[in-house]
Amino acid sequence: MKDFRKLDELIRSFVDRGTNPGCAVAIMQGDELLYHGEAGYADIESKREVNVHSMFSQASTTKLFTYAILGMIFEEGKFLFSDPLYYYLPEWKNTKKYVVRPNGDIDTEPLDKPITIRDAVAMMCGLPYCMMPDVNPSTPTLAAMSKKMEELLKKGPTTIAEEVRAMADVPVMFEPGSHWLYGFGSEITGVLVETFEEKPLREVFKERLIEPLGFKDADTFVRPSNKDRVVVNYAKKGPGDFEKTGDFLSLDPDSVPAGARPNLFISAADFAVFMQMLANGGTYKGRKYLGSGTVAMLHENQLGPQQLADFENDYLAGYGYGLGFRTLLTQKYGHNGHVGNFGWTGGSGIWVEADPVEKFSVAYMHNMRPNEELYHHHRVRAVVNGIML
């Protein structure tokens, strides 16, 4: 019997010290929920407390659903990761790259090789994020993407398919595969899934994962039926001082097209089930969702020395990056879990990780910006692994 008192004390201390307004943690092993802990408020103003059904805005951890589903489609023989994007998204056949000439001039030239599906999924396609036009773009690529987004948004809310088509003629920042750059590769991956499935990504989420895994506290929209479970997003002004903030991803289904970029709202307990399916090698409660080799492929490190230099920072120290999942390469930077642990992080304070050795998963969640992820996540990680290993 595991003793989770240290974890109870930790998450309670977060709220008592005012480091976040409210949080939840779920831990699974095998097919069983071993622990769920919560502290603080889902809505400070109404005094609605976080509970096991609280649905947190995921931001970037939404991508993990996309990558897992892409693995399912790969197993159906519909594509290879070595395939050029233009096989399925023809607009991407003649994409170019920016180059800096010896005299300092910036020019464009054809790619040495086409962008592949692997380049997009592993974040090595050379395109940064650009969800909204950047008023002070730092690179020619971001400036060109911002102009495209400005043109699209003049027509109203966009779909990710429209965005991906529009960006196809933007020169990328570097030769695909030569560097790692977090960004638009996830949008490309989402549109590939939509292309293979012939339906919007949020519908694929529902059919491939949300319904089969039996999630009751998961959606890609805020609706009247779940609004009282959705955790408010806060901006942190100081210790214990939080201000409710708008979130452009928190939209109801009447305000955006079905093909808009989905943002997952889900409880820690439900997300832990998804991660546990992966920790189990693709199987949950007797149903096989992915082959164990495919799961291993998704989190196998794809980065060499140059890409690891692009990837690493204090928060990510010790990790590499696979096909959509980061993966632990070494414990020397202070990670007390197993080499091979894998997961990702969401921008409002989400951290999820699976241990394929002991076959357990953990999902920690709060909704706050700045998310102070290093402070919270690495402490939760240390305590959870101390209990579980």
Protein backbone atom coordinates (compact mmCIF):
# COMPACT_ATOMS: atom_id res chain seq x y z
CA MET A 1 0.00 0.00 0.00
CA LYS A 2 1.52 3.32 -1.11
CA ASP A 3 1.64 6.21 1.33
CA PHE A 4 0.62 9.42 -0.44
CA ARG A 5 0.72 11.76 2.57
CA LYS A 6 3.80 13.59 1.26
CA LEU A 7 1.97 14.33 -1.97
CA ASP A 8 -1.10 15.54 -0.06
CA GLU A 9 1.14 17.87 1.92
CA LEU A 10 2.91 19.17 -1.20
CA ILE A 11 -0.16 20.17 -3.18
CA ARG A 12 -1.75 21.65 -0.06
CA SER A 13 1.40 23.73 0.45
CA PHE A 14 1.11 25.12 -3.09
CA VAL A 15 -2.25 26.63 -2.23
CA ASP A 16 -1.38 27.63 1.34
CA ARG A 17 1.72 29.50 0.11
CA GLY A 18 -0.17 31.10 -2.75
CA THR A 19 1.98 29.55 -5.49
CA ASN A 20 -1.17 28.56 -7.43
CA PRO A 21 -4.92 28.95 -6.93
CA GLY A 22 -5.82 25.27 -7.13
CA CYS A 23 -4.51 21.98 -8.46
CA ALA A 24 -5.19 18.27 -8.88
CA VAL A 25 -3.04 15.14 -9.18
CA ALA A 26 -4.01 11.68 -10.38
CA ILE A 27 -1.81 8.56 -10.32
CA MET A 28 -2.62 5.26 -11.98
CA GLN A 29 -0.87 1.91 -12.15
CA GLY A 30 -1.98 -1.05 -14.20
CA ASP A 31 -5.61 -0.16 -14.86
CA GLU A 32 -6.32 1.26 -11.41
CA LEU A 33 -6.54 4.80 -10.03
CA LEU A 34 -4.22 4.68 -7.00
CA TYR A 35 -4.53 8.29 -5.93
CA HIS A 36 -6.40 11.49 -6.61
CA GLY A 37 -5.56 14.62 -4.65
CA GLU A 38 -6.79 18.15 -5.00
CA ALA A 39 -6.33 21.50 -3.30
CA GLY A 40 -7.60 25.04 -3.69
CA TYR A 41 -10.16 26.57 -6.01
CA ALA A 42 -11.38 25.95 -9.53
CA ASP A 43 -13.09 29.36 -9.24
CA ILE A 44 -11.90 31.67 -6.48
CA GLU A 45 -14.76 34.14 -6.81
CA SER A 46 -17.52 31.54 -6.36
CA LYS A 47 -15.43 29.46 -3.92
CA ARG A 48 -15.86 26.41 -6.18
CA GLU A 49 -13.19 23.97 -5.08
CA VAL A 50 -11.11 21.70 -7.28
CA ASN A 51 -12.40 18.11 -7.23
CA VAL A 52 -11.96 14.84 -9.11
CA HIS A 53 -14.27 16.07 -11.91
CA SER A 54 -12.57 19.46 -12.42
CA MET A 55 -11.70 19.96 -16.11
CA PHE A 56 -8.47 21.85 -16.78
CA SER A 57 -7.61 23.68 -20.01
CA GLN A 58 -4.78 21.63 -21.53
CA ALA A 59 -3.22 23.86 -24.20
CA SER A 60 -0.20 21.92 -25.51
CA THR A 61 -0.95 18.61 -23.80
CA THR A 62 -3.91 18.44 -26.19
CA LYS A 63 -1.31 17.46 -28.81
CA LEU A 64 -0.67 14.11 -27.13
CA PHE A 65 -4.10 12.93 -28.25
CA THR A 66 -3.20 13.92 -31.81
CA TYR A 67 0.10 12.04 -31.77
CA ALA A 68 -1.40 8.89 -30.25
CA ILE A 69 -4.14 8.88 -32.90
CA LEU A 70 -1.54 9.40 -35.61
CA GLY A 71 0.15 6.26 -34.26
CA MET A 72 -3.15 4.37 -34.67
CA ILE A 73 -3.43 5.57 -38.26
CA PHE A 74 0.20 4.57 -38.91
CA GLU A 75 -0.69 1.05 -37.77
CA GLU A 76 -3.44 1.02 -40.40
CA GLY A 77 -0.84 1.48 -43.14
CA LYS A 78 -2.15 4.85 -44.33
CA PHE A 79 1.25 6.61 -44.30
CA LEU A 80 4.93 6.31 -43.42
CA PHE A 81 6.79 8.85 -41.30
CA SER A 82 9.33 9.14 -44.11
CA ASP A 83 6.62 10.27 -46.55
CA PRO A 84 6.85 13.87 -47.79
CA LEU A 85 4.02 16.07 -46.54
CA TYR A 86 2.98 16.86 -50.09
CA TYR A 87 1.84 13.28 -50.66
CA TYR A 88 -1.18 14.18 -48.51
CA LEU A 89 -1.04 18.00 -48.37
CA PRO A 90 -0.09 18.95 -51.97
CA GLU A 91 0.33 22.67 -51.17
CA TRP A 92 3.60 21.76 -49.42
CA LYS A 93 5.40 20.42 -52.49
CA ASN A 94 7.41 23.57 -53.29
CA THR A 95 8.09 25.01 -49.83
CA LYS A 96 11.34 27.00 -49.61
CA LYS A 97 13.71 28.04 -46.82
CA TYR A 98 15.27 31.33 -45.77
CA VAL A 99 19.07 31.55 -45.98
CA VAL A 100 21.53 34.24 -44.92
CA ARG A 101 24.07 35.07 -47.60
CA PRO A 102 27.75 35.82 -46.74
CA ASN A 103 27.06 39.55 -47.12
CA GLY A 104 24.21 39.32 -44.58
CA ASP A 105 21.37 39.48 -47.09
CA ILE A 106 18.39 37.21 -46.42
CA ASP A 107 17.21 35.22 -49.41
CA THR A 108 15.16 32.10 -50.17
CA GLU A 109 16.10 28.91 -51.92
CA PRO A 110 14.57 25.44 -52.50
CA LEU A 111 14.82 22.83 -49.75
CA ASP A 112 17.46 20.14 -50.10
CA LYS A 113 14.71 17.60 -49.43
CA PRO A 114 10.93 17.80 -48.94
CA ILE A 115 9.48 18.23 -45.46
CA THR A 116 8.49 14.77 -44.21
CA ILE A 117 5.80 13.73 -41.76
CA ARG A 118 8.58 12.92 -39.27
CA ASP A 119 9.95 16.47 -39.63
CA ALA A 120 6.53 17.89 -38.74
CA VAL A 121 5.74 15.53 -35.86
CA ALA A 122 9.21 15.80 -34.29
CA MET A 123 9.10 19.62 -34.49
CA MET A 124 11.90 19.86 -37.04
CA CYS A 125 10.03 21.43 -39.95
CA GLY A 126 11.30 24.97 -39.32
CA LEU A 127 8.05 26.80 -38.53
CA PRO A 128 7.35 28.49 -35.17
CA TYR A 129 3.95 28.98 -33.62
CA CYS A 130 1.79 31.74 -35.03
CA MET A 131 -1.75 31.50 -33.67
CA MET A 132 -2.12 35.28 -33.88
CA PRO A 133 -0.16 37.86 -35.89
CA ASP A 134 3.05 38.87 -34.11
CA VAL A 135 3.43 42.66 -33.95
CA ASN A 136 7.21 42.41 -33.60
CA PRO A 137 8.28 39.22 -35.40
CA SER A 138 11.81 38.08 -34.61
CA THR A 139 12.45 36.15 -37.85
CA PRO A 140 11.47 36.48 -41.51
CA THR A 141 9.51 33.22 -41.21
CA LEU A 142 7.43 34.52 -38.30
CA ALA A 143 6.87 37.81 -40.15
CA ALA A 144 5.57 35.92 -43.18
CA MET A 145 3.37 33.68 -41.02
CA SER A 146 1.98 36.70 -39.19
CA LYS A 147 0.99 38.28 -42.49
CA LYS A 148 -0.78 35.08 -43.51
CA MET A 149 -2.65 34.91 -40.18
CA GLU A 150 -3.66 38.56 -40.47
CA GLU A 151 -5.17 37.87 -43.90
CA LEU A 152 -6.99 34.78 -42.65
CA LEU A 153 -8.41 36.44 -39.54
CA LYS A 154 -9.91 39.27 -41.59
CA LYS A 155 -12.40 36.66 -42.82
CA GLY A 156 -13.31 35.49 -39.31
CA PRO A 157 -12.39 32.49 -37.13
CA THR A 158 -10.06 30.09 -38.89
CA THR A 159 -9.74 26.32 -39.14
CA ILE A 160 -6.40 24.59 -38.72
CA ALA A 161 -6.73 23.25 -42.26
CA GLU A 162 -6.99 26.82 -43.58
CA GLU A 163 -3.94 27.83 -41.56
CA VAL A 164 -1.87 24.87 -42.73
CA ARG A 165 -2.74 25.50 -46.38
CA ALA A 166 -1.90 29.19 -46.01
CA MET A 167 1.51 28.54 -44.43
CA ALA A 168 2.67 26.13 -47.15
CA ASP A 169 4.34 28.87 -49.18
CA VAL A 170 6.06 30.52 -46.18
CA PRO A 171 9.82 29.86 -46.33
CA VAL A 172 10.89 27.83 -43.30
CA MET A 173 13.66 28.92 -40.92
CA PHE A 174 16.10 26.10 -41.70
CA GLU A 175 16.55 22.91 -43.68
CA PRO A 176 13.96 20.44 -42.31
CA GLY A 177 15.46 17.97 -39.86
CA SER A 178 18.55 20.07 -39.11
CA HIS A 179 17.18 21.83 -35.99
CA TRP A 180 14.43 21.47 -33.39
CA LEU A 181 11.85 24.27 -33.12
CA TYR A 182 8.64 23.95 -31.12
CA GLY A 183 5.69 25.22 -33.09
CA PHE A 184 3.60 24.74 -36.18
CA GLY A 185 4.50 21.08 -36.68
CA SER A 186 1.64 20.17 -34.36
CA GLU A 187 -0.88 22.02 -36.55
CA ILE A 188 0.44 20.19 -39.60
CA THR A 189 0.13 16.90 -37.71
CA GLY A 190 -3.46 17.71 -36.76
CA VAL A 191 -4.40 18.42 -40.37
CA LEU A 192 -2.76 15.17 -41.47
CA VAL A 193 -5.02 13.34 -39.01
CA GLU A 194 -8.03 15.25 -40.36
CA THR A 195 -7.00 14.34 -43.91
CA PHE A 196 -6.66 10.64 -43.15
CA GLU A 197 -9.88 10.53 -41.11
CA GLU A 198 -11.87 12.93 -43.34
CA LYS A 199 -13.35 14.79 -40.38
CA PRO A 200 -12.39 17.57 -37.92
CA LEU A 201 -9.76 16.72 -35.33
CA ARG A 202 -12.07 17.28 -32.37
CA GLU A 203 -14.44 14.64 -33.78
CA VAL A 204 -11.53 12.24 -34.15
CA PHE A 205 -10.60 12.84 -30.51
CA LYS A 206 -14.10 11.84 -29.49
CA GLU A 207 -14.32 8.74 -31.66
CA ARG A 208 -10.80 7.41 -31.18
CA LEU A 209 -10.13 8.22 -27.51
CA ILE A 210 -12.72 10.11 -25.46
CA GLU A 211 -15.59 7.67 -25.96
CA PRO A 212 -13.61 4.39 -26.13
CA LEU A 213 -11.66 5.21 -22.96
CA GLY A 214 -14.90 6.14 -21.17
CA PHE A 215 -14.01 9.71 -20.28
CA LYS A 216 -16.80 11.55 -18.46
CA ASP A 217 -14.89 14.76 -17.78
CA ALA A 218 -13.36 15.56 -21.16
CA ASP A 219 -14.42 17.82 -24.04
CA THR A 220 -12.97 20.17 -26.64
CA PHE A 221 -15.51 22.90 -25.91
CA VAL A 222 -16.88 24.69 -22.87
CA ARG A 223 -20.61 23.93 -22.92
CA PRO A 224 -23.55 24.54 -20.57
CA SER A 225 -23.31 20.86 -19.59
CA ASN A 226 -19.69 21.10 -18.39
CA LYS A 227 -19.18 24.77 -17.56
CA ASP A 228 -19.48 24.15 -13.81
CA ARG A 229 -16.58 21.68 -14.02
CA VAL A 230 -14.18 23.80 -16.10
CA VAL A 231 -11.37 25.40 -14.08
CA VAL A 232 -10.98 29.16 -14.46
CA ASN A 233 -7.72 30.42 -15.97
CA TYR A 234 -5.81 32.84 -13.76
CA ALA A 235 -2.98 35.31 -14.17
CA LYS A 236 -0.67 35.37 -11.15
CA LYS A 237 0.10 38.88 -9.94
CA GLY A 238 1.91 37.81 -6.77
CA PRO A 239 1.82 35.15 -4.02
CA GLY A 240 -1.84 34.37 -3.37
CA ASP A 241 -2.90 37.17 -5.74
CA PHE A 242 -4.70 35.81 -8.81
CA GLU A 243 -6.72 37.56 -11.47
CA LYS A 244 -9.23 35.80 -13.70
CA THR A 245 -8.10 35.99 -17.30
CA GLY A 246 -9.74 35.33 -20.64
CA ASP A 247 -8.56 32.39 -22.70
CA PHE A 248 -9.05 32.54 -26.47
CA LEU A 249 -9.00 28.72 -26.53
CA SER A 250 -11.94 28.48 -24.12
CA LEU A 251 -14.68 28.82 -26.70
CA ASP A 252 -18.19 27.45 -26.94
CA PRO A 253 -19.20 25.41 -30.04
CA ASP A 254 -21.39 28.21 -31.42
CA SER A 255 -18.52 30.69 -31.69
CA VAL A 256 -15.94 28.78 -33.77
CA PRO A 257 -16.04 26.45 -36.78
CA ALA A 258 -15.86 22.70 -36.13
CA GLY A 259 -12.44 22.57 -37.77
CA ALA A 260 -10.89 25.20 -35.49
CA ARG A 261 -7.81 24.26 -33.46
CA PRO A 262 -9.13 22.08 -30.61
CA ASN A 263 -8.20 22.66 -27.00
CA LEU A 264 -8.84 19.80 -24.63
CA PHE A 265 -10.60 20.34 -21.32
CA ILE A 266 -10.14 17.27 -19.15
CA SER A 267 -9.80 16.12 -15.55
CA ALA A 268 -6.52 14.87 -14.13
CA ALA A 269 -8.14 11.48 -13.55
CA ASP A 270 -9.24 11.10 -17.18
CA PHE A 271 -5.91 12.26 -18.57
CA ALA A 272 -4.14 9.78 -16.30
CA VAL A 273 -6.19 7.03 -17.96
CA PHE A 274 -4.90 8.09 -21.39
CA MET A 275 -1.31 8.15 -20.12
CA GLN A 276 -1.83 4.82 -18.38
CA MET A 277 -2.95 3.25 -21.66
CA LEU A 278 0.42 4.33 -23.07
CA ALA A 279 2.34 3.21 -19.95
CA ASN A 280 0.71 -0.20 -20.41
CA GLY A 281 2.10 -0.38 -23.95
CA GLY A 282 -1.09 0.71 -25.70
CA THR A 283 -3.66 -1.39 -23.81
CA TYR A 284 -6.24 -0.39 -21.21
CA LYS A 285 -8.71 -2.72 -19.47
CA GLY A 286 -8.17 -5.42 -22.02
CA ARG A 287 -8.66 -3.25 -25.10
CA LYS A 288 -5.70 -2.61 -27.39
CA TYR A 289 -5.46 0.93 -28.74
CA LEU A 290 -1.85 0.84 -29.97
CA GLY A 291 0.85 -1.77 -30.37
CA SER A 292 3.59 -1.63 -27.75
CA GLY A 293 6.17 -1.08 -30.50
CA THR A 294 4.24 1.92 -31.77
CA VAL A 295 4.09 3.44 -28.29
CA ALA A 296 7.85 2.94 -27.95
CA MET A 297 8.37 4.53 -31.39
CA LEU A 298 6.35 7.61 -30.41
CA HIS A 299 8.59 8.39 -27.46
CA GLU A 300 11.93 7.27 -28.92
CA ASN A 301 14.30 10.24 -28.92
CA GLN A 302 14.61 11.76 -32.41
CA LEU A 303 17.17 14.43 -31.56
CA GLY A 304 20.88 14.47 -32.25
CA PRO A 305 23.43 16.81 -30.61
CA GLN A 306 22.39 19.92 -32.57
CA GLN A 307 18.66 19.38 -32.03
CA LEU A 308 19.21 18.61 -28.33
CA ALA A 309 21.04 21.93 -28.01
CA ASP A 310 17.95 23.62 -29.49
CA PHE A 311 15.65 21.68 -27.16
CA GLU A 312 17.26 21.76 -23.73
CA ASN A 313 16.59 24.30 -20.98
CA ASP A 314 16.41 24.13 -17.18
CA TYR A 315 12.91 22.70 -17.25
CA LEU A 316 13.63 20.11 -19.97
CA ALA A 317 17.10 19.12 -18.74
CA GLY A 318 17.67 15.40 -19.21
CA TYR A 319 14.94 14.90 -21.78
CA GLY A 320 14.96 14.35 -25.52
CA TYR A 321 12.02 14.57 -27.88
CA GLY A 322 10.32 11.84 -29.86
CA LEU A 323 7.34 11.85 -32.20
CA GLY A 324 5.32 14.26 -30.09
CA PHE A 325 6.40 13.10 -26.61
CA ARG A 326 9.46 14.15 -24.62
CA THR A 327 11.41 11.20 -23.25
CA LEU A 328 13.89 10.99 -20.37
CA LEU A 329 17.45 10.27 -21.52
CA THR A 330 19.37 10.69 -18.25
CA GLN A 331 18.74 11.19 -14.54
CA LYS A 332 21.82 13.34 -14.00
CA TYR A 333 19.87 16.63 -13.96
CA GLY A 334 17.74 15.64 -10.98
CA HIS A 335 15.01 13.35 -12.33
CA ASN A 336 14.41 10.41 -9.95
CA GLY A 337 12.23 8.45 -12.38
CA HIS A 338 13.23 5.82 -14.90
CA VAL A 339 15.11 6.60 -18.09
CA GLY A 340 12.47 6.23 -20.79
CA ASN A 341 9.70 8.04 -18.91
CA PHE A 342 7.69 10.11 -21.37
CA GLY A 343 5.00 12.80 -21.52
CA TRP A 344 4.60 16.54 -22.08
CA THR A 345 3.52 19.85 -20.55
CA GLY A 346 0.62 22.25 -21.13
CA GLY A 347 1.21 25.99 -21.01
CA SER A 348 -1.19 26.75 -18.15
CA GLY A 349 0.48 24.37 -15.72
CA ILE A 350 -0.20 20.82 -16.90
CA TRP A 351 2.36 18.02 -16.48
CA VAL A 352 1.77 14.40 -17.50
CA GLU A 353 4.24 11.53 -17.53
CA ALA A 354 4.17 7.75 -18.01
CA ASP A 355 6.63 5.24 -16.58
CA PRO A 356 6.83 2.26 -18.97
CA VAL A 357 9.02 0.27 -16.56
CA GLU A 358 6.76 0.23 -13.48
CA LYS A 359 3.74 0.94 -15.70
CA PHE A 360 2.28 3.89 -13.87
CA SER A 361 1.18 7.35 -14.95
CA VAL A 362 0.74 10.73 -13.31
CA ALA A 363 -1.23 13.81 -14.32
CA TYR A 364 -0.74 17.07 -12.41
CA MET A 365 -2.82 20.14 -13.32
CA HIS A 366 -3.31 23.79 -12.49
CA ASN A 367 -4.48 26.65 -14.74
CA MET A 368 -2.29 29.72 -14.20
CA ARG A 369 0.01 31.99 -16.18
CA PRO A 370 2.89 32.36 -15.75
CA ASN A 371 2.61 28.67 -14.95
CA GLU A 372 5.81 28.44 -12.85
CA GLU A 373 6.20 24.94 -14.23
CA LEU A 374 9.71 24.26 -12.99
CA TYR A 375 8.77 25.08 -9.39
CA HIS A 376 5.59 22.98 -9.36
CA HIS A 377 6.20 20.13 -11.78
CA HIS A 378 9.67 19.12 -10.66
CA ARG A 379 8.53 19.01 -7.04
CA VAL A 380 5.50 16.87 -7.89
CA ARG A 381 7.74 14.65 -10.03
CA ALA A 382 10.24 14.14 -7.20
CA VAL A 383 7.56 13.29 -4.63
CA VAL A 384 5.57 10.97 -6.92
CA ASN A 385 8.63 8.98 -7.97
CA GLY A 386 9.79 8.78 -4.37
CA ILE A 387 6.46 7.19 -3.48
CA MET A 388 6.06 4.94 -6.52
CA LEU A 389 9.62 3.57 -6.93
